[in-house]
PDB file of N, CA and C in Angstrom:
ATOM      1  N   MET A   1     106.904 147.681  85.153  1.00  0.00           N
ATOM      2  CA  MET A   1     106.693 147.356  83.763  1.00  0.00           C
ATOM      3  C   MET A   1     106.465 145.848  83.638  1.00  0.00           C
ATOM      4  N   ARG A   2     105.382 145.500  82.989  1.00  0.00           N
ATOM      5  CA  ARG A   2     105.047 144.093  82.776  1.00  0.00           C
ATOM      6  C   ARG A   2     105.634 143.597  81.484  1.00  0.00           C
ATOM      7  N   ARG A   3     106.134 142.398  81.546  1.00  0.00           N
ATOM      8  CA  ARG A   3     106.637 141.779  80.327  1.00  0.00           C
ATOM      9  C   ARG A   3     105.628 140.731  79.897  1.00  0.00           C
ATOM     10  N   TRP A   4     105.097 140.867  78.715  1.00  0.00           N
ATOM     11  CA  TRP A   4     104.132 139.914  78.213  1.00  0.00           C
ATOM     12  C   TRP A   4     104.857 138.791  77.517  1.00  0.00           C
ATOM     13  N   MET A   5     104.487 137.574  77.839  1.00  0.00           N
ATOM     14  CA  MET A   5     105.151 136.403  77.269  1.00  0.00           C
ATOM     15  C   MET A   5     104.302 135.814  76.165  1.00  0.00           C
ATOM     16  N   ARG A   6     104.980 135.276  75.192  1.00  0.00           N
ATOM     17  CA  ARG A   6     104.257 134.547  74.156  1.00  0.00           C
ATOM     18  C   ARG A   6     103.659 133.298  74.766  1.00  0.00           C
ATOM     19  N   LYS A   7     102.622 132.773  74.154  1.00  0.00           N
ATOM     20  CA  LYS A   7     101.922 131.604  74.675  1.00  0.00           C
ATOM     21  C   LYS A   7     102.861 130.426  74.873  1.00  0.00           C
ATOM     22  N   ASP A   8     103.805 130.196  73.963  1.00  0.00           N
ATOM     23  CA  ASP A   8     104.709 129.058  74.078  1.00  0.00           C
ATOM     24  C   ASP A   8     105.780 129.259  75.149  1.00  0.00           C
ATOM     25  N   GLU A   9     105.928 130.485  75.684  1.00  0.00           N
ATOM     26  CA  GLU A   9     106.900 130.742  76.743  1.00  0.00           C
ATOM     27  C   GLU A   9     106.291 130.609  78.138  1.00  0.00           C
ATOM     28  N   ARG A  10     104.972 130.588  78.218  1.00  0.00           N
ATOM     29  CA  ARG A  10     104.308 130.529  79.516  1.00  0.00           C
ATOM     30  C   ARG A  10     104.485 129.170  80.162  1.00  0.00           C
ATOM     31  N   MET A  11     104.546 129.188  81.463  1.00  0.00           N
ATOM     32  CA  MET A  11     104.630 127.942  82.214  1.00  0.00           C
ATOM     33  C   MET A  11     103.219 127.448  82.492  1.00  0.00           C
ATOM     34  N   THR A  12     103.048 126.157  82.420  1.00  0.00           N
ATOM     35  CA  THR A  12     101.730 125.620  82.741  1.00  0.00           C
ATOM     36  C   THR A  12     101.662 125.341  84.235  1.00  0.00           C
ATOM     37  N   MET A  13     100.473 125.487  84.807  1.00  0.00           N
ATOM     38  CA  MET A  13     100.274 125.237  86.221  1.00  0.00           C
ATOM     39  C   MET A  13      99.697 123.841  86.395  1.00  0.00           C
ATOM     40  N   ARG A  14     100.309 123.061  87.260  1.00  0.00           N
ATOM     41  CA  ARG A  14      99.813 121.716  87.530  1.00  0.00           C
ATOM     42  C   ARG A  14      98.644 121.790  88.495  1.00  0.00           C
ATOM     43  N   THR A  15      97.616 120.987  88.210  1.00  0.00           N
ATOM     44  CA  THR A  15      96.471 120.962  89.106  1.00  0.00           C
ATOM     45  C   THR A  15      96.549 119.796  90.079  1.00  0.00           C
ATOM     46  N   LYS A  16      97.355 118.782  89.756  1.00  0.00           N
ATOM     47  CA  LYS A  16      97.524 117.629  90.638  1.00  0.00           C
ATOM     48  C   LYS A  16      98.986 117.549  91.063  1.00  0.00           C
ATOM     49  N   PRO A  17      99.254 117.083  92.289  1.00  0.00           N
ATOM     50  CA  PRO A  17     100.648 116.934  92.716  1.00  0.00           C
ATOM     51  C   PRO A  17     101.346 115.866  91.889  1.00  0.00           C
ATOM     52  N   ILE A  18     102.635 116.024  91.724  1.00  0.00           N
ATOM     53  CA  ILE A  18     103.429 115.056  90.972  1.00  0.00           C
ATOM     54  C   ILE A  18     103.695 113.848  91.856  1.00  0.00           C
ATOM     55  N   ASP A  19     103.427 112.675  91.346  1.00  0.00           N
ATOM     56  CA  ASP A  19     103.658 111.427  92.074  1.00  0.00           C
ATOM     57  C   ASP A  19     104.990 110.841  91.613  1.00  0.00           C
ATOM     58  N   ARG A  20     106.060 111.173  92.322  1.00  0.00           N
ATOM     59  CA  ARG A  20     107.389 110.685  91.937  1.00  0.00           C
ATOM     60  C   ARG A  20     107.491 109.174  92.052  1.00  0.00           C
ATOM     61  N   ALA A  21     106.819 108.604  93.036  1.00  0.00           N
ATOM     62  CA  ALA A  21     106.841 107.150  93.210  1.00  0.00           C
ATOM     63  C   ALA A  21     106.241 106.470  91.982  1.00  0.00           C
ATOM     64  N   LYS A  22     105.226 107.074  91.411  1.00  0.00           N
ATOM     65  CA  LYS A  22     104.594 106.514  90.214  1.00  0.00           C
ATOM     66  C   LYS A  22     105.577 106.520  89.054  1.00  0.00           C
ATOM     67  N   GLU A  23     106.370 107.586  88.933  1.00  0.00           N
ATOM     68  CA  GLU A  23     107.372 107.654  87.874  1.00  0.00           C
ATOM     69  C   GLU A  23     108.402 106.548  88.042  1.00  0.00           C
ATOM     70  N   VAL A  24     108.821 106.286  89.278  1.00  0.00           N
ATOM     71  CA  VAL A  24     109.790 105.226  89.540  1.00  0.00           C
ATOM     72  C   VAL A  24     109.195 103.869  89.204  1.00  0.00           C
ATOM     73  N   ARG A  25     107.942 103.648  89.615  1.00  0.00           N
ATOM     74  CA  ARG A  25     107.279 102.376  89.307  1.00  0.00           C
ATOM     75  C   ARG A  25     107.149 102.172  87.812  1.00  0.00           C
ATOM     76  N   ALA A  26     106.837 103.252  87.085  1.00  0.00           N
ATOM     77  CA  ALA A  26     106.662 103.144  85.642  1.00  0.00           C
ATOM     78  C   ALA A  26     107.973 102.794  84.967  1.00  0.00           C
ATOM     79  N   ALA A  27     109.100 103.255  85.527  1.00  0.00           N
ATOM     80  CA  ALA A  27     110.397 102.986  84.941  1.00  0.00           C
ATOM     81  C   ALA A  27     110.878 101.565  85.238  1.00  0.00           C
ATOM     82  N   ALA A  28     110.327 100.933  86.285  1.00  0.00           N
ATOM     83  CA  ALA A  28     110.741  99.580  86.649  1.00  0.00           C
ATOM     84  C   ALA A  28     110.288  98.592  85.577  1.00  0.00           C
ATOM     85  N   LYS A  29     111.057  97.550  85.413  1.00  0.00           N
ATOM     86  CA  LYS A  29     110.711  96.522  84.436  1.00  0.00           C
ATOM     87  C   LYS A  29     109.394  95.862  84.829  1.00  0.00           C
ATOM     88  N   ARG A  30     108.517  95.742  83.887  1.00  0.00           N
ATOM     89  CA  ARG A  30     107.204  95.158  84.126  1.00  0.00           C
ATOM     90  C   ARG A  30     107.240  93.678  83.756  1.00  0.00           C
ATOM     91  N   VAL A  31     106.641  92.851  84.592  1.00  0.00           N
ATOM     92  CA  VAL A  31     106.567  91.413  84.363  1.00  0.00           C
ATOM     93  C   VAL A  31     105.094  91.035  84.307  1.00  0.00           C
ATOM     94  N   PRO A  32     104.643  90.448  83.203  1.00  0.00           N
ATOM     95  CA  PRO A  32     103.234  90.049  83.152  1.00  0.00           C
ATOM     96  C   PRO A  32     102.950  88.903  84.116  1.00  0.00           C
ATOM     97  N   VAL A  33     101.824  88.993  84.810  1.00  0.00           N
ATOM     98  CA  VAL A  33     101.436  87.982  85.790  1.00  0.00           C
ATOM     99  C   VAL A  33      99.993  87.592  85.499  1.00  0.00           C
ATOM    100  N   ASN A  34      99.723  86.315  85.562  1.00  0.00           N
ATOM    101  CA  ASN A  34      98.369  85.825  85.343  1.00  0.00           C
ATOM    102  C   ASN A  34      97.754  85.494  86.696  1.00  0.00           C
ATOM    103  N   LEU A  35      96.675  86.188  87.048  1.00  0.00           N
ATOM    104  CA  LEU A  35      95.983  85.957  88.310  1.00  0.00           C
ATOM    105  C   LEU A  35      94.578  85.458  88.022  1.00  0.00           C
ATOM    106  N   SER A  36      94.122  84.532  88.818  1.00  0.00           N
ATOM    107  CA  SER A  36      92.740  84.076  88.721  1.00  0.00           C
ATOM    108  C   SER A  36      91.983  84.624  89.917  1.00  0.00           C
ATOM    109  N   LEU A  37      90.939  85.398  89.632  1.00  0.00           N
ATOM    110  CA  LEU A  37      90.139  86.019  90.677  1.00  0.00           C
ATOM    111  C   LEU A  37      88.675  85.680  90.435  1.00  0.00           C
ATOM    112  N   PRO A  38      87.877  85.660  91.494  1.00  0.00           N
ATOM    113  CA  PRO A  38      86.445  85.432  91.316  1.00  0.00           C
ATOM    114  C   PRO A  38      85.830  86.518  90.429  1.00  0.00           C
ATOM    115  N   GLU A  39      84.873  86.126  89.625  1.00  0.00           N
ATOM    116  CA  GLU A  39      84.252  87.041  88.665  1.00  0.00           C
ATOM    117  C   GLU A  39      83.673  88.276  89.349  1.00  0.00           C
ATOM    118  N   GLY A  40      83.008  88.067  90.476  1.00  0.00           N
ATOM    119  CA  GLY A  40      82.424  89.194  91.202  1.00  0.00           C
ATOM    120  C   GLY A  40      83.470  90.184  91.676  1.00  0.00           C
ATOM    121  N   LEU A  41      84.614  89.683  92.102  1.00  0.00           N
ATOM    122  CA  LEU A  41      85.693  90.552  92.554  1.00  0.00           C
ATOM    123  C   LEU A  41      86.240  91.372  91.393  1.00  0.00           C
ATOM    124  N   VAL A  42      86.374  90.759  90.233  1.00  0.00           N
ATOM    125  CA  VAL A  42      86.849  91.483  89.051  1.00  0.00           C
ATOM    126  C   VAL A  42      85.847  92.574  88.661  1.00  0.00           C
ATOM    127  N   GLN A  43      84.568  92.287  88.763  1.00  0.00           N
ATOM    128  CA  GLN A  43      83.552  93.297  88.460  1.00  0.00           C
ATOM    129  C   GLN A  43      83.652  94.479  89.424  1.00  0.00           C
ATOM    130  N   GLU A  44      83.849  94.186  90.716  1.00  0.00           N
ATOM    131  CA  GLU A  44      84.028  95.259  91.700  1.00  0.00           C
ATOM    132  C   GLU A  44      85.300  96.052  91.420  1.00  0.00           C
ATOM    133  N   LEU A  45      86.366  95.335  91.055  1.00  0.00           N
ATOM    134  CA  LEU A  45      87.632  95.983  90.718  1.00  0.00           C
ATOM    135  C   LEU A  45      87.431  96.953  89.562  1.00  0.00           C
ATOM    136  N   ASP A  46      86.719  96.530  88.538  1.00  0.00           N
ATOM    137  CA  ASP A  46      86.469  97.394  87.389  1.00  0.00           C
ATOM    138  C   ASP A  46      85.625  98.611  87.771  1.00  0.00           C
ATOM    139  N   LEU A  47      84.684  98.435  88.686  1.00  0.00           N
ATOM    140  CA  LEU A  47      83.872  99.564  89.138  1.00  0.00           C
ATOM    141  C   LEU A  47      84.714 100.598  89.874  1.00  0.00           C
ATOM    142  N   VAL A  48      85.643 100.114  90.678  1.00  0.00           N
ATOM    143  CA  VAL A  48      86.463 101.008  91.496  1.00  0.00           C
ATOM    144  C   VAL A  48      87.600 101.626  90.686  1.00  0.00           C
ATOM    145  N   SER A  49      88.285 100.822  89.890  1.00  0.00           N
ATOM    146  CA  SER A  49      89.482 101.295  89.212  1.00  0.00           C
ATOM    147  C   SER A  49      89.265 101.639  87.748  1.00  0.00           C
ATOM    148  N   GLY A  50      88.236 101.083  87.151  1.00  0.00           N
ATOM    149  CA  GLY A  50      88.069 101.217  85.708  1.00  0.00           C
ATOM    150  C   GLY A  50      88.770 100.051  85.041  1.00  0.00           C
ATOM    151  N   ALA A  51      88.205  99.521  84.000  1.00  0.00           N
ATOM    152  CA  ALA A  51      88.745  98.324  83.351  1.00  0.00           C
ATOM    153  C   ALA A  51      90.160  98.529  82.830  1.00  0.00           C
ATOM    154  N   ARG A  52      90.521  99.746  82.452  1.00  0.00           N
ATOM    155  CA  ARG A  52      91.852 100.009  81.894  1.00  0.00           C
ATOM    156  C   ARG A  52      92.894 100.330  82.965  1.00  0.00           C
ATOM    157  N   ASN A  53      92.488 100.363  84.239  1.00  0.00           N
ATOM    158  CA  ASN A  53      93.429 100.692  85.313  1.00  0.00           C
ATOM    159  C   ASN A  53      93.593  99.556  86.311  1.00  0.00           C
ATOM    160  N   ARG A  54      93.234  98.359  85.941  1.00  0.00           N
ATOM    161  CA  ARG A  54      93.319  97.225  86.865  1.00  0.00           C
ATOM    162  C   ARG A  54      94.736  97.043  87.401  1.00  0.00           C
ATOM    163  N   SER A  55      95.708  97.019  86.518  1.00  0.00           N
ATOM    164  CA  SER A  55      97.085  96.718  86.935  1.00  0.00           C
ATOM    165  C   SER A  55      97.605  97.710  87.957  1.00  0.00           C
ATOM    166  N   SER A  56      97.417  99.007  87.708  1.00  0.00           N
ATOM    167  CA  SER A  56      97.938 100.004  88.648  1.00  0.00           C
ATOM    168  C   SER A  56      97.200  99.935  89.979  1.00  0.00           C
ATOM    169  N   PHE A  57      95.889  99.661  89.946  1.00  0.00           N
ATOM    170  CA  PHE A  57      95.121  99.550  91.181  1.00  0.00           C
ATOM    171  C   PHE A  57      95.593  98.336  91.988  1.00  0.00           C
ATOM    172  N   VAL A  58      95.740  97.198  91.331  1.00  0.00           N
ATOM    173  CA  VAL A  58      96.183  95.977  92.012  1.00  0.00           C
ATOM    174  C   VAL A  58      97.614  96.152  92.499  1.00  0.00           C
ATOM    175  N   GLU A  59      98.462  96.814  91.717  1.00  0.00           N
ATOM    176  CA  GLU A  59      99.847  97.058  92.135  1.00  0.00           C
ATOM    177  C   GLU A  59      99.888  97.834  93.447  1.00  0.00           C
ATOM    178  N   GLU A  60      99.113  98.905  93.529  1.00  0.00           N
ATOM    179  CA  GLU A  60      99.101  99.715  94.746  1.00  0.00           C
ATOM    180  C   GLU A  60      98.531  98.926  95.922  1.00  0.00           C
ATOM    181  N   ALA A  61      97.494  98.130  95.680  1.00  0.00           N
ATOM    182  CA  ALA A  61      96.907  97.319  96.755  1.00  0.00           C
ATOM    183  C   ALA A  61      97.909  96.284  97.262  1.00  0.00           C
ATOM    184  N   VAL A  62      98.658  95.667  96.365  1.00  0.00           N
ATOM    185  CA  VAL A  62      99.662  94.672  96.766  1.00  0.00           C
ATOM    186  C   VAL A  62     100.788  95.347  97.537  1.00  0.00           C
ATOM    187  N   ARG A  63     101.217  96.535  97.091  1.00  0.00           N
ATOM    188  CA  ARG A  63     102.270  97.266  97.816  1.00  0.00           C
ATOM    189  C   ARG A  63     101.826  97.565  99.254  1.00  0.00           C
ATOM    190  N   ARG A  64     100.576  98.028  99.418  1.00  0.00           N
ATOM    191  CA  ARG A  64     100.060  98.308 100.761  1.00  0.00           C
ATOM    192  C   ARG A  64      99.995  97.043 101.605  1.00  0.00           C
ATOM    193  N   ALA A  65      99.542  95.946 101.005  1.00  0.00           N
ATOM    194  CA  ALA A  65      99.438  94.682 101.740  1.00  0.00           C
ATOM    195  C   ALA A  65     100.819  94.192 102.174  1.00  0.00           C
ATOM    196  N   ILE A  66     101.812  94.346 101.319  1.00  0.00           N
ATOM    197  CA  ILE A  66     103.178  93.918 101.670  1.00  0.00           C
ATOM    198  C   ILE A  66     103.726  94.777 102.799  1.00  0.00           C
ATOM    199  N   ARG A  67     103.522  96.104 102.722  1.00  0.00           N
ATOM    200  CA  ARG A  67     103.983  96.986 103.807  1.00  0.00           C
ATOM    201  C   ARG A  67     103.334  96.605 105.124  1.00  0.00           C
ATOM    202  N   ARG A  68     102.038  96.345 105.085  1.00  0.00           N
ATOM    203  CA  ARG A  68     101.309  95.968 106.298  1.00  0.00           C
ATOM    204  C   ARG A  68     101.807  94.637 106.851  1.00  0.00           C
ATOM    205  N   GLU A  69     102.056  93.675 105.990  1.00  0.00           N
ATOM    206  CA  GLU A  69     102.552  92.366 106.423  1.00  0.00           C
ATOM    207  C   GLU A  69     103.947  92.484 107.037  1.00  0.00           C
ATOM    208  N   ARG A  70     104.810  93.291 106.426  1.00  0.00           N
ATOM    209  CA  ARG A  70     106.152  93.505 106.990  1.00  0.00           C
ATOM    210  C   ARG A  70     106.063  94.136 108.371  1.00  0.00           C
ATOM    211  N   LEU A  71     105.167  95.094 108.535  1.00  0.00           N
ATOM    212  CA  LEU A  71     104.969  95.720 109.844  1.00  0.00           C
ATOM    213  C   LEU A  71     104.482  94.699 110.859  1.00  0.00           C
ATOM    214  N   ARG A  72     103.522  93.861 110.475  1.00  0.00           N
ATOM    215  CA  ARG A  72     102.997  92.830 111.375  1.00  0.00           C
ATOM    216  C   ARG A  72     104.104  91.890 111.821  1.00  0.00           C
ATOM    217  N   VAL A  73     104.936  91.448 110.890  1.00  0.00           N
ATOM    218  CA  VAL A  73     106.038  90.540 111.228  1.00  0.00           C
ATOM    219  C   VAL A  73     107.019  91.233 112.170  1.00  0.00           C
ATOM    220  N   SER A  74     107.336  92.496 111.917  1.00  0.00           N
ATOM    221  CA  SER A  74     108.249  93.243 112.791  1.00  0.00           C
ATOM    222  C   SER A  74     107.685  93.384 114.197  1.00  0.00           C
ATOM    223  N   ILE A  75     106.398  93.666 114.283  1.00  0.00           N
ATOM    224  CA  ILE A  75     105.761  93.803 115.595  1.00  0.00           C
ATOM    225  C   ILE A  75     105.806  92.480 116.344  1.00  0.00           C
ATOM    226  N   GLU A  76     105.508  91.379 115.654  1.00  0.00           N
ATOM    227  CA  GLU A  76     105.551  90.063 116.312  1.00  0.00           C
ATOM    228  C   GLU A  76     106.955  89.713 116.775  1.00  0.00           C
ATOM    229  N   ARG A  77     107.967  90.054 115.972  1.00  0.00           N
ATOM    230  CA  ARG A  77     109.360  89.736 116.349  1.00  0.00           C
ATOM    231  C   ARG A  77     109.815  90.516 117.571  1.00  0.00           C
ATOM    232  N   THR A  78     109.323  91.735 117.721  1.00  0.00           N
ATOM    233  CA  THR A  78     109.792  92.578 118.826  1.00  0.00           C
ATOM    234  C   THR A  78     108.850  92.563 120.026  1.00  0.00           C
ATOM    235  N   ALA A  79     107.735  91.870 119.916  1.00  0.00           N
ATOM    236  CA  ALA A  79     106.786  91.821 121.032  1.00  0.00           C
ATOM    237  C   ALA A  79     107.467  91.246 122.270  1.00  0.00           C
ATOM    238  N   GLY A  80     107.275  91.905 123.400  1.00  0.00           N
ATOM    239  CA  GLY A  80     107.851  91.439 124.657  1.00  0.00           C
ATOM    240  C   GLY A  80     109.285  91.867 124.879  1.00  0.00           C
ATOM    241  N   SER A  81     109.850  92.675 123.985  1.00  0.00           N
ATOM    242  CA  SER A  81     111.247  93.071 124.133  1.00  0.00           C
ATOM    243  C   SER A  81     111.445  94.190 125.157  1.00  0.00           C
ATOM    244  N   LEU A  82     110.374  94.869 125.551  1.00  0.00           N
ATOM    245  CA  LEU A  82     110.479  95.916 126.561  1.00  0.00           C
ATOM    246  C   LEU A  82     110.086  95.346 127.914  1.00  0.00           C
ATOM    247  N   PRO A  83     110.844  95.663 128.953  1.00  0.00           N
ATOM    248  CA  PRO A  83     110.511  95.141 130.285  1.00  0.00           C
ATOM    249  C   PRO A  83     109.217  95.759 130.819  1.00  0.00           C
ATOM    250  N   ASP A  84     108.345  94.905 131.333  1.00  0.00           N
ATOM    251  CA  ASP A  84     107.040  95.348 131.827  1.00  0.00           C
ATOM    252  C   ASP A  84     107.138  96.361 132.959  1.00  0.00           C
ATOM    253  N   ASP A  85     108.138  96.212 133.824  1.00  0.00           N
ATOM    254  CA  ASP A  85     108.230  97.101 134.986  1.00  0.00           C
ATOM    255  C   ASP A  85     108.569  98.540 134.607  1.00  0.00           C
ATOM    256  N   ARG A  86     109.160  98.771 133.434  1.00  0.00           N
ATOM    257  CA  ARG A  86     109.491 100.137 133.009  1.00  0.00           C
ATOM    258  C   ARG A  86     108.343 100.812 132.264  1.00  0.00           C
ATOM    259  N   TYR A  87     107.360 100.033 131.823  1.00  0.00           N
ATOM    260  CA  TYR A  87     106.255 100.583 131.025  1.00  0.00           C
ATOM    261  C   TYR A  87     104.904 100.097 131.558  1.00  0.00           C
ATOM    262  N   PRO A  88     104.570 100.402 132.791  1.00  0.00           N
ATOM    263  CA  PRO A  88     103.307  99.924 133.348  1.00  0.00           C
ATOM    264  C   PRO A  88     102.086 100.542 132.648  1.00  0.00           C
ATOM    265  N   HIS A  89     102.276 101.708 132.015  1.00  0.00           N
ATOM    266  CA  HIS A  89     101.167 102.372 131.327  1.00  0.00           C
ATOM    267  C   HIS A  89     100.811 101.678 130.004  1.00  0.00           C
ATOM    268  N   TRP A  90     101.549 100.632 129.621  1.00  0.00           N
ATOM    269  CA  TRP A  90     101.258  99.880 128.397  1.00  0.00           C
ATOM    270  C   TRP A  90     100.746  98.474 128.716  1.00  0.00           C
ATOM    271  N   LYS A  91     100.379  98.234 129.958  1.00  0.00           N
ATOM    272  CA  LYS A  91     100.006  96.882 130.376  1.00  0.00           C
ATOM    273  C   LYS A  91      98.721  96.394 129.700  1.00  0.00           C
ATOM    274  N   THR A  92      97.700  97.231 129.659  1.00  0.00           N
ATOM    275  CA  THR A  92      96.441  96.859 129.012  1.00  0.00           C
ATOM    276  C   THR A  92      96.103  97.906 127.955  1.00  0.00           C
ATOM    277  N   SER A  93      95.183  97.580 127.067  1.00  0.00           N
ATOM    278  CA  SER A  93      94.799  98.545 126.036  1.00  0.00           C
ATOM    279  C   SER A  93      94.158  99.788 126.663  1.00  0.00           C
ATOM    280  N   GLU A  94      93.436  99.602 127.778  1.00  0.00           N
ATOM    281  CA  GLU A  94      92.831 100.749 128.456  1.00  0.00           C
ATOM    282  C   GLU A  94      93.920 101.665 129.025  1.00  0.00           C
ATOM    283  N   ASP A  95      94.988 101.057 129.574  1.00  0.00           N
ATOM    284  CA  ASP A  95      96.103 101.852 130.089  1.00  0.00           C
ATOM    285  C   ASP A  95      96.775 102.644 128.970  1.00  0.00           C
ATOM    286  N   VAL A  96      96.911 102.027 127.806  1.00  0.00           N
ATOM    287  CA  VAL A  96      97.534 102.708 126.665  1.00  0.00           C
ATOM    288  C   VAL A  96      96.675 103.894 126.235  1.00  0.00           C
ATOM    289  N   VAL A  97      95.370 103.701 126.158  1.00  0.00           N
ATOM    290  CA  VAL A  97      94.462 104.788 125.772  1.00  0.00           C
ATOM    291  C   VAL A  97      94.576 105.947 126.757  1.00  0.00           C
ATOM    292  N   ALA A  98      94.584 105.646 128.053  1.00  0.00           N
ATOM    293  CA  ALA A  98      94.709 106.693 129.075  1.00  0.00           C
ATOM    294  C   ALA A  98      96.045 107.415 128.944  1.00  0.00           C
ATOM    295  N   TRP A  99      97.115 106.670 128.687  1.00  0.00           N
ATOM    296  CA  TRP A  99      98.450 107.257 128.537  1.00  0.00           C
ATOM    297  C   TRP A  99      98.503 108.177 127.319  1.00  0.00           C
ATOM    298  N   VAL A 100      97.935 107.736 126.183  1.00  0.00           N
ATOM    299  CA  VAL A 100      97.926 108.555 124.971  1.00  0.00           C
ATOM    300  C   VAL A 100      97.139 109.837 125.206  1.00  0.00           C
ATOM    301  N   ARG A 101      95.997 109.733 125.848  1.00  0.00           N
ATOM    302  CA  ARG A 101      95.193 110.928 126.135  1.00  0.00           C
ATOM    303  C   ARG A 101      95.954 111.901 127.028  1.00  0.00           C
ATOM    304  N   GLN A 102      96.648 111.364 128.010  1.00  0.00           N
ATOM    305  CA  GLN A 102      97.437 112.209 128.906  1.00  0.00           C
ATOM    306  C   GLN A 102      98.554 112.916 128.128  1.00  0.00           C
ATOM    307  N   MET A 103      99.233 112.180 127.260  1.00  0.00           N
ATOM    308  CA  MET A 103     100.314 112.774 126.477  1.00  0.00           C
ATOM    309  C   MET A 103      99.779 113.861 125.539  1.00  0.00           C
ATOM    310  N   ARG A 104      98.640 113.611 124.924  1.00  0.00           N
ATOM    311  CA  ARG A 104      98.049 114.608 124.030  1.00  0.00           C
ATOM    312  C   ARG A 104      97.613 115.840 124.807  1.00  0.00           C
ATOM    313  N   ALA A 105      97.075 115.635 125.993  1.00  0.00           N
ATOM    314  CA  ALA A 105      96.653 116.764 126.825  1.00  0.00           C
ATOM    315  C   ALA A 105      97.858 117.609 127.210  1.00  0.00           C
ATOM    316  N   GLU A 106      98.979 116.966 127.516  1.00  0.00           N
ATOM    317  CA  GLU A 106     100.201 117.713 127.859  1.00  0.00           C
ATOM    318  C   GLU A 106     100.683 118.526 126.667  1.00  0.00           C
ATOM    319  N   GLU A 107     100.574 117.973 125.451  1.00  0.00           N
ATOM    320  CA  GLU A 107     100.981 118.720 124.256  1.00  0.00           C
ATOM    321  C   GLU A 107     100.108 119.937 124.063  1.00  0.00           C
ATOM    322  N   THR A 108      98.824 119.808 124.359  1.00  0.00           N
ATOM    323  CA  THR A 108      97.884 120.904 124.179  1.00  0.00           C
ATOM    324  C   THR A 108      98.065 121.977 125.236  1.00  0.00           C
ATOM    325  N   ARG A 109      98.128 121.556 126.496  1.00  0.00           N
ATOM    326  CA  ARG A 109      98.241 122.496 127.613  1.00  0.00           C
ATOM    327  C   ARG A 109      99.669 122.920 127.874  1.00  0.00           C
ATOM    328  N   GLY A 110     100.598 122.069 127.585  1.00  0.00           N
ATOM    329  CA  GLY A 110     101.970 122.300 127.987  1.00  0.00           C
ATOM    330  C   GLY A 110     102.230 121.531 129.266  1.00  0.00           C
ATOM    331  N   PRO A 111     103.467 121.251 129.618  1.00  0.00           N
ATOM    332  CA  PRO A 111     103.780 120.436 130.782  1.00  0.00           C
ATOM    333  C   PRO A 111     103.341 121.037 132.104  1.00  0.00           C
ATOM    334  N   GLU A 112     103.257 122.357 132.204  1.00  0.00           N
ATOM    335  CA  GLU A 112     102.866 122.979 133.467  1.00  0.00           C
ATOM    336  C   GLU A 112     101.359 123.110 133.596  1.00  0.00           C
ATOM    337  N   GLY A 113     100.625 122.755 132.541  1.00  0.00           N
ATOM    338  CA  GLY A 113      99.164 122.899 132.583  1.00  0.00           C
ATOM    339  C   GLY A 113      98.728 124.323 132.312  1.00  0.00           C
ATOM    340  N   ALA A 114      99.567 125.086 131.610  1.00  0.00           N
ATOM    341  CA  ALA A 114      99.293 126.500 131.332  1.00  0.00           C
ATOM    342  C   ALA A 114      98.160 126.699 130.367  1.00  0.00           C
TER     343      ALA A 114
END
């Protein structure tokens, strides 16, 4: 037996995933900032983000840049912390590529080559 629901009782289906991080950012206190950018860059920004979405686009770009910079600093701080004799497969970039390919092949075939 089907139960028919009134229109106001029906649940709506979301077509886009919920961005919880966006909700958190929206709840954070906003501080106005004045930036000076080249005119051409602002025109490109408006083409990509739309004139009414500049702040959110720049916010996300700055967040990505900060994450990348933190990673770069962490990598520089820890560079050389592993002894070379224990990791000869990381000596050159070519060695690393060969090692990664070997590891991926083992995942695909299995350790016995099955």
